Amino acid sequence: MIAVLRWLHRRTEDVAVALLAAMFVAFMFQIGSRYIFNAPMDWTLEACLTTWLWGVFWGCAFLLKDRDHVKFDVLYNLAPAKGRRAMALVSAGAIAIAFAAALPATLDYIAFYKIKSSMVMGLRLDFVFSVYGIFAIAVIVYYALRAFVLLRGASPDDLDRVSDQS
């Protein structure tokens, strides 16, 4: 099972690398067309924006661990182990519940965008913004599993150590 999860993690990294590479290539085309040939291309800006959007949400959904996110953890770090576990459980549960509550409206809004296309490349906007739906589902699953493991008595510090090994 661990081998399968590592393989999947590597593939999600491959997607993130491909998105960054596509954004870099589009950016270089824009520089070349604008400053060398004095003929800017409109599609490059849209390609950069779309790949950046996908890269950010894809990376946040599948590549970042809980400890990688910005936190205000002064009180958390001062608390004893039981207090840290309680705070981690409450925050994981709140995040999972909030994203789950917003998911139907989110997916409905993304589906609404099937009637619109991007200005230059003509990409359907439901496809462009579908990455947020993927992100939201991944956040729900991740934090629901984190809350479940914390409920079973695990320490948040142990969870972070395990996630570092994967």
C-alpha atoms as a PDB file:
ATOM      1  CA  MET A   1       0.000   0.000   0.000  1.00  0.00           C
ATOM      2  CA  ILE A   2       2.835   2.393   0.867  1.00  0.00           C
ATOM      3  CA  ALA A   3       4.453   1.721  -2.518  1.00  0.00           C
ATOM      4  CA  VAL A   4       1.205   2.594  -4.313  1.00  0.00           C
ATOM      5  CA  LEU A   5       0.835   5.827  -2.325  1.00  0.00           C
ATOM      6  CA  ARG A   6       4.434   6.808  -3.087  1.00  0.00           C
ATOM      7  CA  TRP A   7       3.871   6.086  -6.780  1.00  0.00           C
ATOM      8  CA  LEU A   8       0.712   8.238  -6.763  1.00  0.00           C
ATOM      9  CA  HIS A   9       2.571  11.012  -4.946  1.00  0.00           C
ATOM     10  CA  ARG A  10       5.276  10.957  -7.617  1.00  0.00           C
ATOM     11  CA  ARG A  11       2.635  11.236 -10.358  1.00  0.00           C
ATOM     12  CA  THR A  12       1.051  14.250  -8.650  1.00  0.00           C
ATOM     13  CA  GLU A  13       4.524  15.790  -8.534  1.00  0.00           C
ATOM     14  CA  ASP A  14       4.874  15.044 -12.269  1.00  0.00           C
ATOM     15  CA  VAL A  15       1.637  16.932 -12.985  1.00  0.00           C
ATOM     16  CA  ALA A  16       2.851  19.917 -10.945  1.00  0.00           C
ATOM     17  CA  VAL A  17       6.171  19.917 -12.804  1.00  0.00           C
ATOM     18  CA  ALA A  18       4.378  19.729 -16.161  1.00  0.00           C
ATOM     19  CA  LEU A  19       2.174  22.683 -15.213  1.00  0.00           C
ATOM     20  CA  LEU A  20       5.170  24.776 -14.183  1.00  0.00           C
ATOM     21  CA  ALA A  21       7.048  23.781 -17.346  1.00  0.00           C
ATOM     22  CA  ALA A  22       4.062  24.740 -19.520  1.00  0.00           C
ATOM     23  CA  MET A  23       3.806  28.078 -17.731  1.00  0.00           C
ATOM     24  CA  PHE A  24       7.539  28.705 -18.224  1.00  0.00           C
ATOM     25  CA  VAL A  25       7.373  27.846 -21.934  1.00  0.00           C
ATOM     26  CA  ALA A  26       4.383  30.149 -22.474  1.00  0.00           C
ATOM     27  CA  PHE A  27       6.205  32.893 -20.558  1.00  0.00           C
ATOM     28  CA  MET A  28       9.322  32.474 -22.713  1.00  0.00           C
ATOM     29  CA  PHE A  29       7.197  32.615 -25.884  1.00  0.00           C
ATOM     30  CA  GLN A  30       5.726  35.882 -24.641  1.00  0.00           C
ATOM     31  CA  ILE A  31       9.147  37.362 -23.929  1.00  0.00           C
ATOM     32  CA  GLY A  32      10.467  36.270 -27.320  1.00  0.00           C
ATOM     33  CA  SER A  33       7.469  37.466 -29.284  1.00  0.00           C
ATOM     34  CA  ARG A  34       7.232  40.796 -27.471  1.00  0.00           C
ATOM     35  CA  TYR A  35      10.862  41.835 -27.166  1.00  0.00           C
ATOM     36  CA  ILE A  36      12.561  40.051 -30.061  1.00  0.00           C
ATOM     37  CA  PHE A  37       9.860  40.114 -32.752  1.00  0.00           C
ATOM     38  CA  ASN A  38       7.813  43.055 -31.411  1.00  0.00           C
ATOM     39  CA  ALA A  39       4.619  41.003 -31.886  1.00  0.00           C
ATOM     40  CA  PRO A  40       3.079  40.053 -28.530  1.00  0.00           C
ATOM     41  CA  MET A  41       0.894  36.947 -28.395  1.00  0.00           C
ATOM     42  CA  ASP A  42      -2.326  37.086 -26.386  1.00  0.00           C
ATOM     43  CA  TRP A  43      -2.606  33.364 -25.665  1.00  0.00           C
ATOM     44  CA  THR A  44       0.553  33.296 -23.558  1.00  0.00           C
ATOM     45  CA  LEU A  45      -0.918  35.395 -20.749  1.00  0.00           C
ATOM     46  CA  GLU A  46      -4.000  33.210 -20.589  1.00  0.00           C
ATOM     47  CA  ALA A  47      -1.864  30.051 -20.650  1.00  0.00           C
ATOM     48  CA  CYS A  48       0.280  31.382 -17.802  1.00  0.00           C
ATOM     49  CA  LEU A  49      -2.759  32.322 -15.718  1.00  0.00           C
ATOM     50  CA  THR A  50      -4.457  28.960 -16.270  1.00  0.00           C
ATOM     51  CA  THR A  51      -1.360  26.868 -15.542  1.00  0.00           C
ATOM     52  CA  TRP A  52      -0.629  28.994 -12.464  1.00  0.00           C
ATOM     53  CA  LEU A  53      -4.179  28.487 -11.185  1.00  0.00           C
ATOM     54  CA  TRP A  54      -3.948  24.744 -11.755  1.00  0.00           C
ATOM     55  CA  GLY A  55      -0.453  24.551 -10.262  1.00  0.00           C
ATOM     56  CA  VAL A  56      -1.406  26.329  -7.053  1.00  0.00           C
ATOM     57  CA  PHE A  57      -4.561  24.336  -6.352  1.00  0.00           C
ATOM     58  CA  TRP A  58      -3.066  21.037  -7.558  1.00  0.00           C
ATOM     59  CA  GLY A  59      -0.041  21.530  -5.322  1.00  0.00           C
ATOM     60  CA  CYS A  60      -2.159  22.514  -2.321  1.00  0.00           C
ATOM     61  CA  ALA A  61      -4.459  19.545  -2.850  1.00  0.00           C
ATOM     62  CA  PHE A  62      -1.865  16.814  -3.264  1.00  0.00           C
ATOM     63  CA  LEU A  63       1.645  17.964  -2.409  1.00  0.00           C
ATOM     64  CA  LEU A  64       1.515  20.167   0.688  1.00  0.00           C
ATOM     65  CA  LYS A  65       1.322  18.649   4.140  1.00  0.00           C
ATOM     66  CA  ASP A  66      -0.576  20.208   7.025  1.00  0.00           C
ATOM     67  CA  ARG A  67       2.661  21.637   8.486  1.00  0.00           C
ATOM     68  CA  ASP A  68       3.443  23.385   5.151  1.00  0.00           C
ATOM     69  CA  HIS A  69       0.477  25.759   5.423  1.00  0.00           C
ATOM     70  CA  VAL A  70       0.732  29.153   7.083  1.00  0.00           C
ATOM     71  CA  LYS A  71      -0.506  28.975  10.665  1.00  0.00           C
ATOM     72  CA  PHE A  72      -0.766  31.171  13.707  1.00  0.00           C
ATOM     73  CA  ASP A  73       0.465  28.561  16.153  1.00  0.00           C
ATOM     74  CA  VAL A  74       1.795  30.487  19.142  1.00  0.00           C
ATOM     75  CA  LEU A  75      -0.881  29.144  21.508  1.00  0.00           C
ATOM     76  CA  TYR A  76      -0.672  25.696  19.911  1.00  0.00           C
ATOM     77  CA  ASN A  77       3.069  25.482  20.567  1.00  0.00           C
ATOM     78  CA  LEU A  78       2.616  26.591  24.196  1.00  0.00           C
ATOM     79  CA  ALA A  79      -0.067  23.957  24.901  1.00  0.00           C
ATOM     80  CA  PRO A  80       0.668  20.543  26.403  1.00  0.00           C
ATOM     81  CA  ALA A  81       0.388  17.430  24.200  1.00  0.00           C
ATOM     82  CA  LYS A  82      -3.321  16.848  25.005  1.00  0.00           C
ATOM     83  CA  GLY A  83      -4.122  20.474  24.270  1.00  0.00           C
ATOM     84  CA  ARG A  84      -2.284  20.340  20.931  1.00  0.00           C
ATOM     85  CA  ARG A  85      -4.170  17.170  20.022  1.00  0.00           C
ATOM     86  CA  ALA A  86      -7.509  18.811  20.926  1.00  0.00           C
ATOM     87  CA  MET A  87      -6.661  21.935  18.901  1.00  0.00           C
ATOM     88  CA  ALA A  88      -5.544  19.836  15.929  1.00  0.00           C
ATOM     89  CA  LEU A  89      -8.746  17.779  16.132  1.00  0.00           C
ATOM     90  CA  VAL A  90     -10.994  20.841  16.312  1.00  0.00           C
ATOM     91  CA  SER A  91      -9.209  22.559  13.426  1.00  0.00           C
ATOM     92  CA  ALA A  92      -9.171  19.427  11.232  1.00  0.00           C
ATOM     93  CA  GLY A  93     -12.865  18.822  11.905  1.00  0.00           C
ATOM     94  CA  ALA A  94     -13.778  22.461  11.292  1.00  0.00           C
ATOM     95  CA  ILE A  95     -11.877  22.565   8.002  1.00  0.00           C
ATOM     96  CA  ALA A  96     -13.427  19.299   6.781  1.00  0.00           C
ATOM     97  CA  ILE A  97     -16.940  20.368   7.792  1.00  0.00           C
ATOM     98  CA  ALA A  98     -16.615  23.869   6.303  1.00  0.00           C
ATOM     99  CA  PHE A  99     -15.323  22.587   2.961  1.00  0.00           C
ATOM    100  CA  ALA A 100     -17.960  19.820   2.896  1.00  0.00           C
ATOM    101  CA  ALA A 101     -20.725  22.351   3.588  1.00  0.00           C
ATOM    102  CA  ALA A 102     -19.487  24.572   0.761  1.00  0.00           C
ATOM    103  CA  LEU A 103     -18.882  21.736  -1.706  1.00  0.00           C
ATOM    104  CA  PRO A 104     -22.375  21.500  -3.293  1.00  0.00           C
ATOM    105  CA  ALA A 105     -22.502  25.233  -4.027  1.00  0.00           C
ATOM    106  CA  THR A 106     -18.889  25.153  -5.220  1.00  0.00           C
ATOM    107  CA  LEU A 107     -19.506  22.319  -7.674  1.00  0.00           C
ATOM    108  CA  ASP A 108     -22.724  23.977  -8.835  1.00  0.00           C
ATOM    109  CA  TYR A 109     -20.883  27.232  -9.514  1.00  0.00           C
ATOM    110  CA  ILE A 110     -18.120  25.427 -11.409  1.00  0.00           C
ATOM    111  CA  ALA A 111     -20.751  23.604 -13.487  1.00  0.00           C
ATOM    112  CA  PHE A 112     -22.433  26.941 -14.226  1.00  0.00           C
ATOM    113  CA  TYR A 113     -19.260  28.058 -15.997  1.00  0.00           C
ATOM    114  CA  LYS A 114     -19.734  25.498 -18.776  1.00  0.00           C
ATOM    115  CA  ILE A 115     -21.609  28.215 -20.659  1.00  0.00           C
ATOM    116  CA  LYS A 116     -18.558  30.508 -20.710  1.00  0.00           C
ATOM    117  CA  SER A 117     -15.179  30.255 -22.417  1.00  0.00           C
ATOM    118  CA  SER A 118     -11.910  32.050 -21.908  1.00  0.00           C
ATOM    119  CA  MET A 119     -11.383  35.136 -24.048  1.00  0.00           C
ATOM    120  CA  VAL A 120      -8.396  34.104 -26.161  1.00  0.00           C
ATOM    121  CA  MET A 121      -7.903  30.343 -26.110  1.00  0.00           C
ATOM    122  CA  GLY A 122     -11.593  29.475 -25.890  1.00  0.00           C
ATOM    123  CA  LEU A 123     -11.153  27.085 -22.950  1.00  0.00           C
ATOM    124  CA  ARG A 124     -14.382  26.224 -21.204  1.00  0.00           C
ATOM    125  CA  LEU A 125     -14.270  27.908 -17.822  1.00  0.00           C
ATOM    126  CA  ASP A 126     -15.781  24.923 -16.036  1.00  0.00           C
ATOM    127  CA  PHE A 127     -12.643  23.020 -17.021  1.00  0.00           C
ATOM    128  CA  VAL A 128     -10.359  25.879 -15.996  1.00  0.00           C
ATOM    129  CA  PHE A 129     -11.944  26.182 -12.544  1.00  0.00           C
ATOM    130  CA  SER A 130     -12.578  22.447 -12.008  1.00  0.00           C
ATOM    131  CA  VAL A 131      -9.226  22.259 -10.245  1.00  0.00           C
ATOM    132  CA  TYR A 132     -10.823  24.063  -7.304  1.00  0.00           C
ATOM    133  CA  GLY A 133     -13.391  21.266  -7.029  1.00  0.00           C
ATOM    134  CA  ILE A 134     -10.550  18.723  -7.008  1.00  0.00           C
ATOM    135  CA  PHE A 135      -8.787  20.794  -4.357  1.00  0.00           C
ATOM    136  CA  ALA A 136     -11.912  21.060  -2.190  1.00  0.00           C
ATOM    137  CA  ILE A 137     -12.543  17.307  -2.300  1.00  0.00           C
ATOM    138  CA  ALA A 138      -8.899  16.580  -1.469  1.00  0.00           C
ATOM    139  CA  VAL A 139      -9.040  18.966   1.508  1.00  0.00           C
ATOM    140  CA  ILE A 140     -12.201  17.295   2.809  1.00  0.00           C
ATOM    141  CA  VAL A 141     -10.685  13.815   2.550  1.00  0.00           C
ATOM    142  CA  TYR A 142      -7.327  14.843   4.033  1.00  0.00           C
ATOM    143  CA  TYR A 143      -8.733  16.668   7.060  1.00  0.00           C
ATOM    144  CA  ALA A 144     -11.498  14.137   7.688  1.00  0.00           C
ATOM    145  CA  LEU A 145      -8.864  11.378   7.788  1.00  0.00           C
ATOM    146  CA  ARG A 146      -6.663  13.559   9.983  1.00  0.00           C
ATOM    147  CA  ALA A 147      -9.561  14.143  12.402  1.00  0.00           C
ATOM    148  CA  PHE A 148     -10.350  10.403  12.444  1.00  0.00           C
ATOM    149  CA  VAL A 149      -6.741   9.494  13.265  1.00  0.00           C
ATOM    150  CA  LEU A 150      -6.595  12.172  15.957  1.00  0.00           C
ATOM    151  CA  LEU A 151      -9.846  10.864  17.448  1.00  0.00           C
ATOM    152  CA  ARG A 152      -8.225   7.443  17.706  1.00  0.00           C
ATOM    153  CA  GLY A 153      -5.525   8.933  19.933  1.00  0.00           C
ATOM    154  CA  ALA A 154      -2.686   9.824  17.596  1.00  0.00           C
ATOM    155  CA  SER A 155      -0.546  12.843  18.327  1.00  0.00           C
ATOM    156  CA  PRO A 156      -0.457  15.628  15.707  1.00  0.00           C
ATOM    157  CA  ASP A 157       3.339  15.543  15.962  1.00  0.00           C
ATOM    158  CA  ASP A 158       3.314  11.840  15.054  1.00  0.00           C
ATOM    159  CA  LEU A 159       1.080  12.561  12.058  1.00  0.00           C
ATOM    160  CA  ASP A 160       3.507  15.192  10.817  1.00  0.00           C
ATOM    161  CA  ARG A 161       6.439  12.790  11.186  1.00  0.00           C
ATOM    162  CA  VAL A 162       4.601  10.083   9.231  1.00  0.00           C
ATOM    163  CA  SER A 163       3.719  12.539   6.449  1.00  0.00           C
ATOM    164  CA  ASP A 164       7.392  13.564   6.239  1.00  0.00           C
ATOM    165  CA  GLN A 165       8.341   9.960   5.414  1.00  0.00           C
ATOM    166  CA  SER A 166       5.976   9.643   2.453  1.00  0.00           C
END
